Amino acid sequence: MIAPAAAHLDRTLASRPALGAFSLAGFPDEKGGIDVLTAYAREGANVLEVGAPASNPYLDGPVIDAAHRHALRRGYGMDSVVATVQELTLATGKPVVVMAYWASVLAYGPKRLAHVLATVGGAGCLVPDVPLDRVGPWEAAAADAGIHAPLLAGRQVPVAELTATCRAASGFIYAPAVAGHRTGYRDGLDMDGLSAFVASVRQAAPTSPVVTGIGVSTPERAADAVRQADVSGVVIGSPLMRALLSDGSGLPQSVDLVGKFAAAIAQQAER
């Protein structure tokens, strides 16, 4: 049976294009990580994504990779993720999704993680690199706990693998806006290519919301993704982390950026 938090995520993605804001648990410390995402929620983020510190975050570019290393050096791990999810759920009332690499999930225990996240109010857990032969058991563990298990749709995988991934995912499907790049990518974005890819994802799983990120580095690009690719949401991470670490501005600048992304997406939703 689906838990209330997962149902809340479903409603959020169904009602209008959502803005997902990412930050890493334990960065700059546990309380600071909670404060950052709470501020993002107040400024217009509809979904909060909590990253789990990892030693090999292959999908993350240099900005988020540095945050992973910082959090690990200070001893933060999955317990900090769980505490962050619990505090954010209580403080914001927004759906909270964890983003964790498979090595971290495996070390903690997939079934254990799913049930603990459900207990503290988590809506789901996105594992971008879950092995194909573990997708079924992971999705079953999440469903048993009542949370969602979104999956990443690879843009350069065989059609059969893409179809299987999209059909297995629950909650939403994460479709990268660019192919072959890590988070933090800031060069050109092929909107026609993204639109075609989103269409292929929808063909595989017509009823699943599609969310994009990676390469959506400005509010204008977020608006374009909503307008042209008709995605259900946009998740931003590196732009916020980069602003968070900027000279002297820190949190106020990243919070201001969340507001600009939220406004750009809302403007497209109203058209």
C-alpha atoms as a PDB file:
ATOM      1  CA  MET A   1       0.000   0.000   0.000  1.00  0.00           C
ATOM      2  CA  ILE A   2       1.330   3.405  -0.966  1.00  0.00           C
ATOM      3  CA  ALA A   3       2.307   5.606   1.969  1.00  0.00           C
ATOM      4  CA  PRO A   4       0.885   9.136   2.377  1.00  0.00           C
ATOM      5  CA  ALA A   5       4.209  10.752   1.472  1.00  0.00           C
ATOM      6  CA  ALA A   6       4.419   8.848  -1.810  1.00  0.00           C
ATOM      7  CA  ALA A   7       0.821   9.793  -2.600  1.00  0.00           C
ATOM      8  CA  HIS A   8       1.742  13.403  -1.859  1.00  0.00           C
ATOM      9  CA  LEU A   9       4.536  13.164  -4.445  1.00  0.00           C
ATOM     10  CA  ASP A  10       2.048  11.768  -6.976  1.00  0.00           C
ATOM     11  CA  ARG A  11      -0.311  14.698  -6.420  1.00  0.00           C
ATOM     12  CA  THR A  12       2.504  17.216  -6.657  1.00  0.00           C
ATOM     13  CA  LEU A  13       3.730  15.935 -10.004  1.00  0.00           C
ATOM     14  CA  ALA A  14       0.200  15.573 -11.381  1.00  0.00           C
ATOM     15  CA  SER A  15      -1.035  19.045 -10.490  1.00  0.00           C
ATOM     16  CA  ARG A  16       1.516  21.253 -12.296  1.00  0.00           C
ATOM     17  CA  PRO A  17       5.174  21.193 -13.367  1.00  0.00           C
ATOM     18  CA  ALA A  18       7.202  20.865 -10.184  1.00  0.00           C
ATOM     19  CA  LEU A  19      10.545  22.290  -9.164  1.00  0.00           C
ATOM     20  CA  GLY A  20      12.774  19.800  -7.395  1.00  0.00           C
ATOM     21  CA  ALA A  21      15.697  21.220  -5.405  1.00  0.00           C
ATOM     22  CA  PHE A  22      18.694  19.024  -4.561  1.00  0.00           C
ATOM     23  CA  SER A  23      21.219  19.307  -1.783  1.00  0.00           C
ATOM     24  CA  LEU A  24      23.464  16.829  -0.031  1.00  0.00           C
ATOM     25  CA  ALA A  25      22.793  15.524   3.471  1.00  0.00           C
ATOM     26  CA  GLY A  26      25.636  16.581   5.752  1.00  0.00           C
ATOM     27  CA  PHE A  27      26.629  19.594   3.673  1.00  0.00           C
ATOM     28  CA  PRO A  28      27.916  21.849   5.063  1.00  0.00           C
ATOM     29  CA  ASP A  29      26.857  19.812   8.140  1.00  0.00           C
ATOM     30  CA  GLU A  30      23.700  17.939   9.114  1.00  0.00           C
ATOM     31  CA  LYS A  31      21.807  20.951  10.480  1.00  0.00           C
ATOM     32  CA  GLY A  32      23.055  23.177   7.684  1.00  0.00           C
ATOM     33  CA  GLY A  33      21.867  20.706   5.061  1.00  0.00           C
ATOM     34  CA  ILE A  34      18.406  20.707   6.616  1.00  0.00           C
ATOM     35  CA  ASP A  35      18.337  24.507   6.793  1.00  0.00           C
ATOM     36  CA  VAL A  36      19.328  24.816   3.129  1.00  0.00           C
ATOM     37  CA  LEU A  37      16.520  22.602   1.826  1.00  0.00           C
ATOM     38  CA  THR A  38      13.989  24.141   4.217  1.00  0.00           C
ATOM     39  CA  ALA A  39      14.833  27.535   2.760  1.00  0.00           C
ATOM     40  CA  TYR A  40      14.431  26.153  -0.761  1.00  0.00           C
ATOM     41  CA  ALA A  41      10.981  24.857   0.133  1.00  0.00           C
ATOM     42  CA  ARG A  42       9.929  28.280   1.400  1.00  0.00           C
ATOM     43  CA  GLU A  43      11.124  29.873  -1.832  1.00  0.00           C
ATOM     44  CA  GLY A  44       9.070  27.646  -4.117  1.00  0.00           C
ATOM     45  CA  ALA A  45      10.620  24.181  -4.433  1.00  0.00           C
ATOM     46  CA  ASN A  46       7.767  21.640  -4.637  1.00  0.00           C
ATOM     47  CA  VAL A  47       9.922  18.541  -4.168  1.00  0.00           C
ATOM     48  CA  LEU A  48      13.057  18.236  -2.026  1.00  0.00           C
ATOM     49  CA  GLU A  49      15.797  15.840  -3.090  1.00  0.00           C
ATOM     50  CA  VAL A  50      18.296  14.735  -0.448  1.00  0.00           C
ATOM     51  CA  GLY A  51      21.567  13.351  -1.735  1.00  0.00           C
ATOM     52  CA  ALA A  52      23.258  10.524   0.155  1.00  0.00           C
ATOM     53  CA  PRO A  53      27.025  11.071   0.542  1.00  0.00           C
ATOM     54  CA  ALA A  54      28.919   8.601  -1.650  1.00  0.00           C
ATOM     55  CA  SER A  55      32.568   7.768  -2.291  1.00  0.00           C
ATOM     56  CA  ASN A  56      32.061   7.314  -6.036  1.00  0.00           C
ATOM     57  CA  PRO A  57      29.255   9.634  -7.206  1.00  0.00           C
ATOM     58  CA  TYR A  58      29.800   8.884 -10.876  1.00  0.00           C
ATOM     59  CA  LEU A  59      26.861  10.968 -12.098  1.00  0.00           C
ATOM     60  CA  ASP A  60      27.919  14.132 -10.264  1.00  0.00           C
ATOM     61  CA  GLY A  61      30.189  16.834 -11.613  1.00  0.00           C
ATOM     62  CA  PRO A  62      32.943  18.600  -9.655  1.00  0.00           C
ATOM     63  CA  VAL A  63      30.713  20.888  -7.576  1.00  0.00           C
ATOM     64  CA  ILE A  64      28.532  18.159  -6.084  1.00  0.00           C
ATOM     65  CA  ASP A  65      31.434  15.711  -6.003  1.00  0.00           C
ATOM     66  CA  ALA A  66      33.289  18.109  -3.691  1.00  0.00           C
ATOM     67  CA  ALA A  67      30.237  18.212  -1.410  1.00  0.00           C
ATOM     68  CA  HIS A  68      30.225  14.400  -1.258  1.00  0.00           C
ATOM     69  CA  ARG A  69      33.863  14.367  -0.181  1.00  0.00           C
ATOM     70  CA  HIS A  70      33.237  17.091   2.417  1.00  0.00           C
ATOM     71  CA  ALA A  71      30.299  15.209   3.947  1.00  0.00           C
ATOM     72  CA  LEU A  72      32.177  11.902   4.062  1.00  0.00           C
ATOM     73  CA  ARG A  73      35.198  13.495   5.711  1.00  0.00           C
ATOM     74  CA  ARG A  74      32.913  14.718   8.473  1.00  0.00           C
ATOM     75  CA  GLY A  75      31.453  11.275   8.981  1.00  0.00           C
ATOM     76  CA  TYR A  76      28.014  11.806   7.432  1.00  0.00           C
ATOM     77  CA  GLY A  77      26.280   8.876   5.770  1.00  0.00           C
ATOM     78  CA  MET A  78      22.891   7.209   5.453  1.00  0.00           C
ATOM     79  CA  ASP A  79      21.944   7.878   9.082  1.00  0.00           C
ATOM     80  CA  SER A  80      22.324  11.595   8.341  1.00  0.00           C
ATOM     81  CA  VAL A  81      20.165  11.160   5.247  1.00  0.00           C
ATOM     82  CA  VAL A  82      17.402   9.553   7.317  1.00  0.00           C
ATOM     83  CA  ALA A  83      17.574  12.299   9.944  1.00  0.00           C
ATOM     84  CA  THR A  84      17.482  14.961   7.220  1.00  0.00           C
ATOM     85  CA  VAL A  85      14.419  13.412   5.568  1.00  0.00           C
ATOM     86  CA  GLN A  86      12.589  13.266   8.872  1.00  0.00           C
ATOM     87  CA  GLU A  87      13.336  16.893   9.762  1.00  0.00           C
ATOM     88  CA  LEU A  88      12.474  18.183   6.299  1.00  0.00           C
ATOM     89  CA  THR A  89       9.168  16.335   6.223  1.00  0.00           C
ATOM     90  CA  LEU A  90       8.165  17.832   9.560  1.00  0.00           C
ATOM     91  CA  ALA A  91       9.448  21.327   8.761  1.00  0.00           C
ATOM     92  CA  THR A  92       8.186  21.777   5.200  1.00  0.00           C
ATOM     93  CA  GLY A  93       5.311  19.402   4.472  1.00  0.00           C
ATOM     94  CA  LYS A  94       6.812  18.879   0.997  1.00  0.00           C
ATOM     95  CA  PRO A  95       7.500  15.450  -0.529  1.00  0.00           C
ATOM     96  CA  VAL A  96      11.104  14.431   0.115  1.00  0.00           C
ATOM     97  CA  VAL A  97      12.971  12.051  -2.191  1.00  0.00           C
ATOM     98  CA  VAL A  98      16.407  10.584  -1.507  1.00  0.00           C
ATOM     99  CA  MET A  99      18.992  10.264  -4.279  1.00  0.00           C
ATOM    100  CA  ALA A 100      21.417   7.460  -3.390  1.00  0.00           C
ATOM    101  CA  TYR A 101      23.922   5.400  -5.344  1.00  0.00           C
ATOM    102  CA  TRP A 102      23.509   1.640  -5.300  1.00  0.00           C
ATOM    103  CA  ALA A 103      26.668   1.025  -3.249  1.00  0.00           C
ATOM    104  CA  SER A 104      25.216   3.128  -0.430  1.00  0.00           C
ATOM    105  CA  VAL A 105      21.831   1.418  -0.674  1.00  0.00           C
ATOM    106  CA  LEU A 106      23.441  -2.011  -0.659  1.00  0.00           C
ATOM    107  CA  ALA A 107      25.638  -1.178   2.326  1.00  0.00           C
ATOM    108  CA  TYR A 108      22.646   0.007   4.357  1.00  0.00           C
ATOM    109  CA  GLY A 109      20.350  -2.750   3.120  1.00  0.00           C
ATOM    110  CA  PRO A 110      17.731  -2.100   0.390  1.00  0.00           C
ATOM    111  CA  LYS A 111      14.755  -3.423   2.367  1.00  0.00           C
ATOM    112  CA  ARG A 112      15.919  -1.712   5.533  1.00  0.00           C
ATOM    113  CA  LEU A 113      16.427   1.603   3.731  1.00  0.00           C
ATOM    114  CA  ALA A 114      12.998   1.496   2.099  1.00  0.00           C
ATOM    115  CA  HIS A 115      11.220   0.808   5.391  1.00  0.00           C
ATOM    116  CA  VAL A 116      13.252   3.366   7.368  1.00  0.00           C
ATOM    117  CA  LEU A 117      12.547   6.080   4.798  1.00  0.00           C
ATOM    118  CA  ALA A 118       8.846   5.255   4.898  1.00  0.00           C
ATOM    119  CA  THR A 119       8.898   5.452   8.691  1.00  0.00           C
ATOM    120  CA  VAL A 120      10.408   8.966   8.704  1.00  0.00           C
ATOM    121  CA  GLY A 121       8.074  10.285   5.990  1.00  0.00           C
ATOM    122  CA  GLY A 122      10.157   9.888   2.851  1.00  0.00           C
ATOM    123  CA  ALA A 123       8.283   9.784  -0.454  1.00  0.00           C
ATOM    124  CA  GLY A 124      10.821   7.769  -2.397  1.00  0.00           C
ATOM    125  CA  CYS A 125      14.413   6.945  -3.238  1.00  0.00           C
ATOM    126  CA  LEU A 126      15.970   7.450  -6.664  1.00  0.00           C
ATOM    127  CA  VAL A 127      18.881   5.086  -7.329  1.00  0.00           C
ATOM    128  CA  PRO A 128      20.417   6.102 -10.665  1.00  0.00           C
ATOM    129  CA  ASP A 129      22.766   3.121 -10.968  1.00  0.00           C
ATOM    130  CA  VAL A 130      20.775   0.181  -9.614  1.00  0.00           C
ATOM    131  CA  PRO A 131      21.949  -2.891 -11.588  1.00  0.00           C
ATOM    132  CA  LEU A 132      19.432  -4.250 -14.067  1.00  0.00           C
ATOM    133  CA  ASP A 133      19.212  -7.571 -12.257  1.00  0.00           C
ATOM    134  CA  ARG A 134      18.412  -5.772  -8.986  1.00  0.00           C
ATOM    135  CA  VAL A 135      15.747  -3.413 -10.317  1.00  0.00           C
ATOM    136  CA  GLY A 136      12.951  -5.885  -9.647  1.00  0.00           C
ATOM    137  CA  PRO A 137      13.919  -6.656  -6.026  1.00  0.00           C
ATOM    138  CA  TRP A 138      14.568  -2.980  -5.295  1.00  0.00           C
ATOM    139  CA  GLU A 139      11.217  -1.907  -6.701  1.00  0.00           C
ATOM    140  CA  ALA A 140       9.530  -4.701  -4.715  1.00  0.00           C
ATOM    141  CA  ALA A 141      11.246  -3.561  -1.500  1.00  0.00           C
ATOM    142  CA  ALA A 142      10.108   0.020  -2.086  1.00  0.00           C
ATOM    143  CA  ALA A 143       6.554  -1.037  -2.892  1.00  0.00           C
ATOM    144  CA  ASP A 144       6.416  -3.212   0.216  1.00  0.00           C
ATOM    145  CA  ALA A 145       7.463  -0.208   2.315  1.00  0.00           C
ATOM    146  CA  GLY A 146       4.998   2.093   0.540  1.00  0.00           C
ATOM    147  CA  ILE A 147       7.531   4.466  -1.036  1.00  0.00           C
ATOM    148  CA  HIS A 148       8.371   5.163  -4.661  1.00  0.00           C
ATOM    149  CA  ALA A 149      11.524   4.023  -6.445  1.00  0.00           C
ATOM    150  CA  PRO A 150      12.111   6.344  -9.409  1.00  0.00           C
ATOM    151  CA  LEU A 151      14.723   5.262 -11.942  1.00  0.00           C
ATOM    152  CA  LEU A 152      17.059   7.055 -14.327  1.00  0.00           C
ATOM    153  CA  ALA A 153      16.347   6.532 -18.023  1.00  0.00           C
ATOM    154  CA  GLY A 154      19.658   6.315 -19.847  1.00  0.00           C
ATOM    155  CA  ARG A 155      19.803   8.235 -23.083  1.00  0.00           C
ATOM    156  CA  GLN A 156      22.399   5.958 -24.621  1.00  0.00           C
ATOM    157  CA  VAL A 157      21.084   2.513 -23.663  1.00  0.00           C
ATOM    158  CA  PRO A 158      19.410  -0.038 -25.965  1.00  0.00           C
ATOM    159  CA  VAL A 159      15.698   0.414 -26.543  1.00  0.00           C
ATOM    160  CA  ALA A 160      14.836  -2.797 -24.700  1.00  0.00           C
ATOM    161  CA  GLU A 161      16.738  -1.656 -21.592  1.00  0.00           C
ATOM    162  CA  LEU A 162      15.158   1.811 -21.716  1.00  0.00           C
ATOM    163  CA  THR A 163      11.696   0.296 -22.009  1.00  0.00           C
ATOM    164  CA  ALA A 164      12.276  -2.102 -19.115  1.00  0.00           C
ATOM    165  CA  THR A 165      13.622   0.683 -16.894  1.00  0.00           C
ATOM    166  CA  CYS A 166      10.749   3.048 -17.639  1.00  0.00           C
ATOM    167  CA  ARG A 167       8.115   0.386 -16.996  1.00  0.00           C
ATOM    168  CA  ALA A 168       9.737  -0.657 -13.712  1.00  0.00           C
ATOM    169  CA  ALA A 169      10.092   2.849 -12.257  1.00  0.00           C
ATOM    170  CA  SER A 170       7.579   4.117  -9.728  1.00  0.00           C
ATOM    171  CA  GLY A 171       6.807   7.716  -8.785  1.00  0.00           C
ATOM    172  CA  PHE A 172       8.568   9.251 -11.768  1.00  0.00           C
ATOM    173  CA  ILE A 173      11.203   8.616 -14.417  1.00  0.00           C
ATOM    174  CA  TYR A 174      14.320  10.800 -14.383  1.00  0.00           C
ATOM    175  CA  ALA A 175      15.274  11.737 -17.943  1.00  0.00           C
ATOM    176  CA  PRO A 176      18.613  13.599 -18.229  1.00  0.00           C
ATOM    177  CA  ALA A 177      18.352  16.741 -20.320  1.00  0.00           C
ATOM    178  CA  VAL A 178      21.719  16.025 -21.959  1.00  0.00           C
ATOM    179  CA  ALA A 179      23.375  12.783 -22.972  1.00  0.00           C
ATOM    180  CA  GLY A 180      26.747  11.623 -21.736  1.00  0.00           C
ATOM    181  CA  HIS A 181      27.330  14.362 -19.148  1.00  0.00           C
ATOM    182  CA  ARG A 182      27.439  14.620 -15.385  1.00  0.00           C
ATOM    183  CA  THR A 183      25.650  17.130 -13.173  1.00  0.00           C
ATOM    184  CA  GLY A 184      26.950  20.651 -13.509  1.00  0.00           C
ATOM    185  CA  TYR A 185      26.885  20.689 -17.320  1.00  0.00           C
ATOM    186  CA  ARG A 186      26.365  24.285 -18.489  1.00  0.00           C
ATOM    187  CA  ASP A 187      26.845  24.300 -22.274  1.00  0.00           C
ATOM    188  CA  GLY A 188      24.164  24.097 -24.940  1.00  0.00           C
ATOM    189  CA  LEU A 189      20.943  22.159 -24.452  1.00  0.00           C
ATOM    190  CA  ASP A 190      19.285  20.437 -27.420  1.00  0.00           C
ATOM    191  CA  MET A 191      15.595  20.927 -26.676  1.00  0.00           C
ATOM    192  CA  ASP A 192      14.479  18.997 -29.747  1.00  0.00           C
ATOM    193  CA  GLY A 193      16.617  16.076 -28.618  1.00  0.00           C
ATOM    194  CA  LEU A 194      15.226  16.268 -25.087  1.00  0.00           C
ATOM    195  CA  SER A 195      11.661  16.432 -26.395  1.00  0.00           C
ATOM    196  CA  ALA A 196      12.230  13.371 -28.571  1.00  0.00           C
ATOM    197  CA  PHE A 197      13.767  11.470 -25.660  1.00  0.00           C
ATOM    198  CA  VAL A 198      10.907  12.367 -23.309  1.00  0.00           C
ATOM    199  CA  ALA A 199       8.476  11.188 -25.986  1.00  0.00           C
ATOM    200  CA  SER A 200      10.269   7.830 -26.175  1.00  0.00           C
ATOM    201  CA  VAL A 201      10.140   7.517 -22.379  1.00  0.00           C
ATOM    202  CA  ARG A 202       6.424   8.255 -22.406  1.00  0.00           C
ATOM    203  CA  GLN A 203       5.877   5.702 -25.136  1.00  0.00           C
ATOM    204  CA  ALA A 204       7.431   3.082 -22.849  1.00  0.00           C
ATOM    205  CA  ALA A 205       5.538   4.205 -19.737  1.00  0.00           C
ATOM    206  CA  PRO A 206       2.593   6.434 -20.716  1.00  0.00           C
ATOM    207  CA  THR A 207       1.256   7.025 -17.199  1.00  0.00           C
ATOM    208  CA  SER A 208       4.529   7.805 -15.414  1.00  0.00           C
ATOM    209  CA  PRO A 209       5.547  11.431 -14.781  1.00  0.00           C
ATOM    210  CA  VAL A 210       8.840  12.383 -16.444  1.00  0.00           C
ATOM    211  CA  VAL A 211      11.240  14.690 -14.619  1.00  0.00           C
ATOM    212  CA  THR A 212      14.395  16.162 -16.121  1.00  0.00           C
ATOM    213  CA  GLY A 213      17.692  17.575 -14.888  1.00  0.00           C
ATOM    214  CA  ILE A 214      21.426  17.643 -15.714  1.00  0.00           C
ATOM    215  CA  GLY A 215      22.066  20.524 -18.070  1.00  0.00           C
ATOM    216  CA  VAL A 216      19.090  22.596 -16.916  1.00  0.00           C
ATOM    217  CA  SER A 217      21.429  25.237 -15.574  1.00  0.00           C
ATOM    218  CA  THR A 218      19.306  28.390 -15.802  1.00  0.00           C
ATOM    219  CA  PRO A 219      15.674  29.372 -15.132  1.00  0.00           C
ATOM    220  CA  GLU A 220      15.272  30.007 -18.850  1.00  0.00           C
ATOM    221  CA  ARG A 221      16.310  26.439 -19.672  1.00  0.00           C
ATOM    222  CA  ALA A 222      13.942  25.110 -17.040  1.00  0.00           C
ATOM    223  CA  ALA A 223      11.090  27.059 -18.646  1.00  0.00           C
ATOM    224  CA  ASP A 224      12.083  25.728 -22.073  1.00  0.00           C
ATOM    225  CA  ALA A 225      12.089  22.154 -20.772  1.00  0.00           C
ATOM    226  CA  VAL A 226       8.590  22.569 -19.363  1.00  0.00           C
ATOM    227  CA  ARG A 227       7.290  24.265 -22.492  1.00  0.00           C
ATOM    228  CA  GLN A 228       8.949  22.220 -25.225  1.00  0.00           C
ATOM    229  CA  ALA A 229       9.490  18.808 -23.648  1.00  0.00           C
ATOM    230  CA  ASP A 230       6.328  18.987 -21.503  1.00  0.00           C
ATOM    231  CA  VAL A 231       8.023  17.401 -18.491  1.00  0.00           C
ATOM    232  CA  SER A 232       6.282  17.035 -15.140  1.00  0.00           C
ATOM    233  CA  GLY A 233       9.157  18.591 -13.252  1.00  0.00           C
ATOM    234  CA  VAL A 234      12.711  19.899 -13.291  1.00  0.00           C
ATOM    235  CA  VAL A 235      15.314  19.031 -10.652  1.00  0.00           C
ATOM    236  CA  ILE A 236      18.207  21.423 -10.071  1.00  0.00           C
ATOM    237  CA  GLY A 237      21.296  20.778  -8.003  1.00  0.00           C
ATOM    238  CA  SER A 238      24.617  22.062  -9.288  1.00  0.00           C
ATOM    239  CA  PRO A 239      23.406  25.636  -9.952  1.00  0.00           C
ATOM    240  CA  LEU A 240      22.215  25.851  -6.351  1.00  0.00           C
ATOM    241  CA  MET A 241      25.344  24.251  -4.933  1.00  0.00           C
ATOM    242  CA  ARG A 242      27.507  26.566  -7.017  1.00  0.00           C
ATOM    243  CA  ALA A 243      25.598  29.594  -5.708  1.00  0.00           C
ATOM    244  CA  LEU A 244      25.780  28.229  -2.172  1.00  0.00           C
ATOM    245  CA  LEU A 245      29.560  28.155  -2.417  1.00  0.00           C
ATOM    246  CA  SER A 246      29.936  31.531  -4.130  1.00  0.00           C
ATOM    247  CA  ASP A 247      32.042  34.332  -2.666  1.00  0.00           C
ATOM    248  CA  GLY A 248      30.359  35.723   0.393  1.00  0.00           C
ATOM    249  CA  SER A 249      26.800  35.245  -0.887  1.00  0.00           C
ATOM    250  CA  GLY A 250      26.152  31.673   0.174  1.00  0.00           C
ATOM    251  CA  LEU A 251      22.626  30.691   1.092  1.00  0.00           C
ATOM    252  CA  PRO A 252      20.861  33.960   0.160  1.00  0.00           C
ATOM    253  CA  GLN A 253      22.111  33.695  -3.423  1.00  0.00           C
ATOM    254  CA  SER A 254      21.107  30.049  -3.802  1.00  0.00           C
ATOM    255  CA  VAL A 255      17.682  30.733  -2.254  1.00  0.00           C
ATOM    256  CA  ASP A 256      17.189  33.631  -4.663  1.00  0.00           C
ATOM    257  CA  LEU A 257      18.047  31.312  -7.532  1.00  0.00           C
ATOM    258  CA  VAL A 258      15.409  28.813  -6.375  1.00  0.00           C
ATOM    259  CA  GLY A 259      12.863  31.620  -6.525  1.00  0.00           C
ATOM    260  CA  LYS A 260      13.877  32.437 -10.095  1.00  0.00           C
ATOM    261  CA  PHE A 261      13.609  28.809 -11.195  1.00  0.00           C
ATOM    262  CA  ALA A 262      10.224  28.465  -9.482  1.00  0.00           C
ATOM    263  CA  ALA A 263       8.911  31.621 -11.129  1.00  0.00           C
ATOM    264  CA  ALA A 264      10.107  30.556 -14.575  1.00  0.00           C
ATOM    265  CA  ILE A 265       8.420  27.166 -14.286  1.00  0.00           C
ATOM    266  CA  ALA A 266       5.219  28.639 -12.856  1.00  0.00           C
ATOM    267  CA  GLN A 267       5.019  31.129 -15.702  1.00  0.00           C
ATOM    268  CA  GLN A 268       5.080  28.300 -18.243  1.00  0.00           C
ATOM    269  CA  ALA A 269       2.456  26.354 -16.290  1.00  0.00           C
ATOM    270  CA  GLU A 270       0.081  29.306 -16.478  1.00  0.00           C
ATOM    271  CA  ARG A 271       0.261  29.610 -20.266  1.00  0.00           C
END
